[in-house]
């Protein structure tokens, strides 16, 4: 399991800013890669599946495969974090 991701299964929990907490579930089906399931905290909207390699080299997010570097370059700016220049 990736360190630092807090599992939140309860629906309707409120976080800072008045938003519902995102629900996070971790699991692994037999014969498949481990995954996280991300869901809305206030409703039953479609989920986001994130499968990851045991060796930490790649991610599959909702069926789209990419390296950790590719996903970092795309997603980190949305969070206000500059991608790590050392990984290039």
N, C-alpha and C. Protein backbone atom coordinates (compact mmCIF):
# COMPACT_ATOMS: atom_id res chain seq x y z
N UNK A 1 0.84 -1.18 0.00
CA UNK A 1 0.00 0.00 0.00
C UNK A 1 0.89 1.24 0.00
N UNK A 2 0.48 2.25 -0.71
CA UNK A 2 1.22 3.50 -0.78
C UNK A 2 1.07 4.23 0.55
N UNK A 3 2.18 4.68 1.11
CA UNK A 3 2.13 5.36 2.41
C UNK A 3 1.54 6.75 2.27
N UNK A 4 0.83 7.19 3.29
CA UNK A 4 0.32 8.55 3.33
C UNK A 4 -1.10 8.74 2.84
N UNK A 5 -1.74 7.69 2.34
CA UNK A 5 -3.12 7.82 1.88
C UNK A 5 -4.02 7.28 2.98
N UNK A 6 -4.85 8.17 3.51
CA UNK A 6 -5.75 7.79 4.59
C UNK A 6 -7.03 7.19 4.00
N UNK A 7 -7.40 6.03 4.51
CA UNK A 7 -8.60 5.36 4.05
C UNK A 7 -9.82 6.01 4.70
N UNK A 8 -10.78 6.42 3.90
CA UNK A 8 -12.00 7.07 4.38
C UNK A 8 -13.17 6.39 3.69
N UNK A 9 -13.92 5.57 4.40
CA UNK A 9 -15.03 4.83 3.80
C UNK A 9 -16.40 5.42 4.08
N UNK A 10 -16.51 6.26 5.10
CA UNK A 10 -17.82 6.77 5.51
C UNK A 10 -18.31 7.86 4.56
N UNK A 11 -19.59 7.84 4.30
CA UNK A 11 -20.21 8.83 3.44
C UNK A 11 -20.74 9.98 4.30
N UNK A 12 -20.73 11.18 3.76
CA UNK A 12 -21.32 12.32 4.45
C UNK A 12 -20.42 12.98 5.48
N UNK A 13 -19.13 12.67 5.48
CA UNK A 13 -18.20 13.30 6.40
C UNK A 13 -17.76 14.64 5.81
N UNK A 14 -17.75 15.68 6.62
CA UNK A 14 -17.38 17.01 6.13
C UNK A 14 -15.92 17.31 6.46
N UNK A 15 -15.23 17.96 5.52
CA UNK A 15 -13.84 18.36 5.75
C UNK A 15 -13.76 19.87 5.78
N UNK A 16 -12.53 20.39 5.82
CA UNK A 16 -12.33 21.83 5.84
C UNK A 16 -12.95 22.47 4.61
N UNK A 17 -13.47 23.66 4.77
CA UNK A 17 -14.03 24.38 3.64
C UNK A 17 -15.45 23.99 3.30
N UNK A 18 -16.05 23.09 4.06
CA UNK A 18 -17.43 22.71 3.82
C UNK A 18 -17.64 21.65 2.76
N UNK A 19 -16.57 21.12 2.18
CA UNK A 19 -16.69 20.07 1.18
C UNK A 19 -16.85 18.72 1.87
N UNK A 20 -17.50 17.79 1.17
CA UNK A 20 -17.57 16.42 1.69
C UNK A 20 -16.22 15.76 1.48
N UNK A 21 -15.82 14.94 2.45
CA UNK A 21 -14.56 14.21 2.31
C UNK A 21 -14.66 13.19 1.19
N UNK A 22 -13.61 13.09 0.42
CA UNK A 22 -13.55 12.09 -0.64
C UNK A 22 -13.37 10.73 0.02
N UNK A 23 -14.14 9.75 -0.43
CA UNK A 23 -14.02 8.40 0.13
C UNK A 23 -12.92 7.65 -0.61
N UNK A 24 -12.06 6.98 0.14
CA UNK A 24 -10.93 6.23 -0.42
C UNK A 24 -10.98 4.81 0.11
N UNK A 25 -10.93 3.85 -0.81
CA UNK A 25 -10.96 2.44 -0.45
C UNK A 25 -9.76 1.77 -1.12
N UNK A 26 -9.05 0.92 -0.38
CA UNK A 26 -7.90 0.20 -0.93
C UNK A 26 -8.24 -1.28 -1.00
N UNK A 27 -7.81 -1.93 -2.07
CA UNK A 27 -8.06 -3.36 -2.20
C UNK A 27 -7.24 -3.97 -3.31
N UNK A 28 -7.32 -5.30 -3.37
CA UNK A 28 -6.65 -6.03 -4.44
C UNK A 28 -7.43 -7.31 -4.67
N UNK A 29 -7.87 -7.50 -5.90
CA UNK A 29 -8.54 -8.74 -6.25
C UNK A 29 -7.50 -9.77 -6.63
N UNK A 30 -7.84 -11.01 -6.46
CA UNK A 30 -6.92 -12.09 -6.77
C UNK A 30 -6.48 -12.01 -8.23
N UNK A 31 -5.17 -12.00 -8.45
CA UNK A 31 -4.63 -11.97 -9.80
C UNK A 31 -4.57 -10.60 -10.44
N UNK A 32 -4.92 -9.54 -9.72
CA UNK A 32 -4.88 -8.19 -10.26
C UNK A 32 -3.93 -7.32 -9.47
N UNK A 33 -3.61 -6.17 -10.03
CA UNK A 33 -2.74 -5.23 -9.32
C UNK A 33 -3.53 -4.56 -8.19
N UNK A 34 -2.83 -4.11 -7.15
CA UNK A 34 -3.52 -3.39 -6.08
C UNK A 34 -4.14 -2.10 -6.61
N UNK A 35 -5.18 -1.62 -5.94
CA UNK A 35 -5.86 -0.43 -6.44
C UNK A 35 -6.46 0.39 -5.31
N UNK A 36 -6.71 1.63 -5.63
CA UNK A 36 -7.48 2.52 -4.78
C UNK A 36 -8.75 2.87 -5.54
N UNK A 37 -9.85 2.95 -4.84
CA UNK A 37 -11.11 3.40 -5.42
C UNK A 37 -11.44 4.72 -4.75
N UNK A 38 -11.64 5.75 -5.55
CA UNK A 38 -11.94 7.09 -5.06
C UNK A 38 -13.39 7.39 -5.43
N UNK A 39 -14.17 7.82 -4.43
CA UNK A 39 -15.58 8.12 -4.66
C UNK A 39 -15.95 9.44 -4.02
N UNK A 40 -17.02 10.02 -4.52
CA UNK A 40 -17.56 11.25 -3.95
C UNK A 40 -17.99 10.98 -2.51
N UNK A 41 -17.83 11.98 -1.65
CA UNK A 41 -18.17 11.81 -0.25
C UNK A 41 -19.63 12.05 0.08
N UNK A 42 -20.38 12.65 -0.85
CA UNK A 42 -21.77 12.99 -0.53
C UNK A 42 -22.79 12.24 -1.38
N UNK A 43 -22.34 11.54 -2.41
CA UNK A 43 -23.31 10.85 -3.27
C UNK A 43 -22.68 9.59 -3.85
N UNK A 44 -23.39 8.94 -4.69
CA UNK A 44 -22.91 7.70 -5.31
C UNK A 44 -22.52 7.93 -6.77
N UNK A 45 -21.82 9.02 -7.02
CA UNK A 45 -21.35 9.34 -8.37
C UNK A 45 -20.36 8.26 -8.83
N UNK A 46 -20.10 8.18 -10.13
CA UNK A 46 -19.14 7.19 -10.63
C UNK A 46 -17.80 7.30 -9.90
N UNK A 47 -17.11 6.18 -9.84
CA UNK A 47 -15.86 6.12 -9.08
C UNK A 47 -14.65 6.30 -9.98
N UNK A 48 -13.52 6.55 -9.34
CA UNK A 48 -12.24 6.66 -10.01
C UNK A 48 -11.38 5.49 -9.53
N UNK A 49 -10.96 4.63 -10.45
CA UNK A 49 -10.12 3.48 -10.11
C UNK A 49 -8.67 3.81 -10.41
N UNK A 50 -7.80 3.59 -9.42
CA UNK A 50 -6.37 3.81 -9.60
C UNK A 50 -5.65 2.51 -9.27
N UNK A 51 -5.12 1.85 -10.30
CA UNK A 51 -4.32 0.64 -10.12
C UNK A 51 -2.85 1.05 -10.15
N UNK A 52 -2.04 0.42 -9.29
CA UNK A 52 -0.62 0.76 -9.26
C UNK A 52 0.23 -0.50 -9.24
N UNK A 53 1.44 -0.38 -9.80
CA UNK A 53 2.40 -1.48 -9.81
C UNK A 53 3.00 -1.65 -8.43
N UNK A 54 3.30 -2.89 -8.07
CA UNK A 54 3.97 -3.16 -6.80
C UNK A 54 5.34 -2.50 -6.75
N UNK A 55 6.00 -2.39 -7.91
CA UNK A 55 7.34 -1.80 -7.94
C UNK A 55 7.32 -0.27 -8.01
N UNK A 56 6.13 0.32 -8.09
CA UNK A 56 6.00 1.78 -8.05
C UNK A 56 6.39 2.49 -9.33
N UNK A 57 6.35 1.82 -10.46
CA UNK A 57 6.77 2.43 -11.72
C UNK A 57 5.62 3.01 -12.54
N UNK A 58 4.42 2.49 -12.38
CA UNK A 58 3.33 2.96 -13.23
C UNK A 58 2.00 3.01 -12.52
N UNK A 59 1.09 3.77 -13.12
CA UNK A 59 -0.28 3.89 -12.62
C UNK A 59 -1.25 3.71 -13.78
N UNK A 60 -2.38 3.13 -13.47
CA UNK A 60 -3.49 3.08 -14.42
C UNK A 60 -4.65 3.78 -13.74
N UNK A 61 -5.06 4.91 -14.29
CA UNK A 61 -6.15 5.69 -13.72
C UNK A 61 -7.33 5.63 -14.69
N UNK A 62 -8.40 4.99 -14.25
CA UNK A 62 -9.60 4.76 -15.07
C UNK A 62 -9.27 4.22 -16.45
N UNK A 63 -8.36 3.26 -16.50
CA UNK A 63 -8.04 2.58 -17.75
C UNK A 63 -6.95 3.24 -18.57
N UNK A 64 -6.39 4.35 -18.11
CA UNK A 64 -5.33 5.04 -18.84
C UNK A 64 -4.01 4.76 -18.14
N UNK A 65 -3.10 4.07 -18.85
CA UNK A 65 -1.79 3.71 -18.28
C UNK A 65 -0.78 4.82 -18.50
N UNK A 66 0.07 5.01 -17.50
CA UNK A 66 1.14 5.99 -17.61
C UNK A 66 2.16 5.78 -16.51
N UNK A 67 3.33 6.35 -16.71
CA UNK A 67 4.36 6.25 -15.67
C UNK A 67 4.02 7.23 -14.55
N UNK A 68 4.66 7.03 -13.41
CA UNK A 68 4.47 7.94 -12.28
C UNK A 68 4.86 9.36 -12.70
N UNK A 69 5.93 9.49 -13.47
CA UNK A 69 6.38 10.80 -13.93
C UNK A 69 5.32 11.47 -14.80
N UNK A 70 4.74 10.70 -15.74
CA UNK A 70 3.69 11.26 -16.60
C UNK A 70 2.52 11.78 -15.78
N UNK A 71 2.03 10.97 -14.86
CA UNK A 71 0.90 11.37 -14.04
C UNK A 71 1.26 12.55 -13.14
N UNK A 72 2.48 12.58 -12.62
CA UNK A 72 2.91 13.71 -11.79
C UNK A 72 2.92 15.01 -12.58
N UNK A 73 3.45 14.95 -13.79
CA UNK A 73 3.50 16.14 -14.64
C UNK A 73 2.10 16.68 -14.95
N UNK A 74 1.13 15.79 -15.06
CA UNK A 74 -0.23 16.20 -15.39
C UNK A 74 -1.00 16.67 -14.16
N UNK A 75 -0.93 15.92 -13.06
CA UNK A 75 -1.81 16.17 -11.92
C UNK A 75 -1.27 17.13 -10.87
N UNK A 76 0.03 17.16 -10.64
CA UNK A 76 0.56 18.00 -9.57
C UNK A 76 0.27 19.49 -9.74
N UNK A 77 0.32 20.05 -10.96
CA UNK A 77 -0.02 21.47 -11.10
C UNK A 77 -1.45 21.80 -10.65
N UNK A 78 -2.39 20.86 -10.77
CA UNK A 78 -3.75 21.09 -10.30
C UNK A 78 -3.79 21.26 -8.78
N UNK A 79 -2.83 20.64 -8.10
CA UNK A 79 -2.77 20.71 -6.64
C UNK A 79 -1.88 21.85 -6.15
N UNK A 80 -1.35 22.63 -7.09
CA UNK A 80 -0.48 23.74 -6.72
C UNK A 80 0.92 23.29 -6.35
N UNK A 81 1.33 22.12 -6.85
CA UNK A 81 2.65 21.57 -6.57
C UNK A 81 3.43 21.51 -7.88
N UNK A 82 4.63 22.06 -7.88
CA UNK A 82 5.46 21.99 -9.09
C UNK A 82 6.03 20.58 -9.21
N UNK A 83 6.01 19.99 -10.42
CA UNK A 83 6.61 18.67 -10.60
C UNK A 83 8.09 18.69 -10.23
N UNK A 84 8.57 17.59 -9.67
CA UNK A 84 9.96 17.47 -9.22
C UNK A 84 10.89 17.48 -10.43
N UNK A 85 11.79 18.44 -10.49
CA UNK A 85 12.71 18.58 -11.62
C UNK A 85 13.76 17.47 -11.65
N UNK A 86 14.05 16.86 -10.49
CA UNK A 86 15.07 15.81 -10.42
C UNK A 86 14.63 14.54 -11.15
N UNK A 87 13.35 14.34 -11.33
CA UNK A 87 12.84 13.11 -11.94
C UNK A 87 12.91 13.14 -13.45
N UNK A 88 13.30 14.23 -14.03
CA UNK A 88 13.33 14.36 -15.49
C UNK A 88 14.55 13.72 -16.09
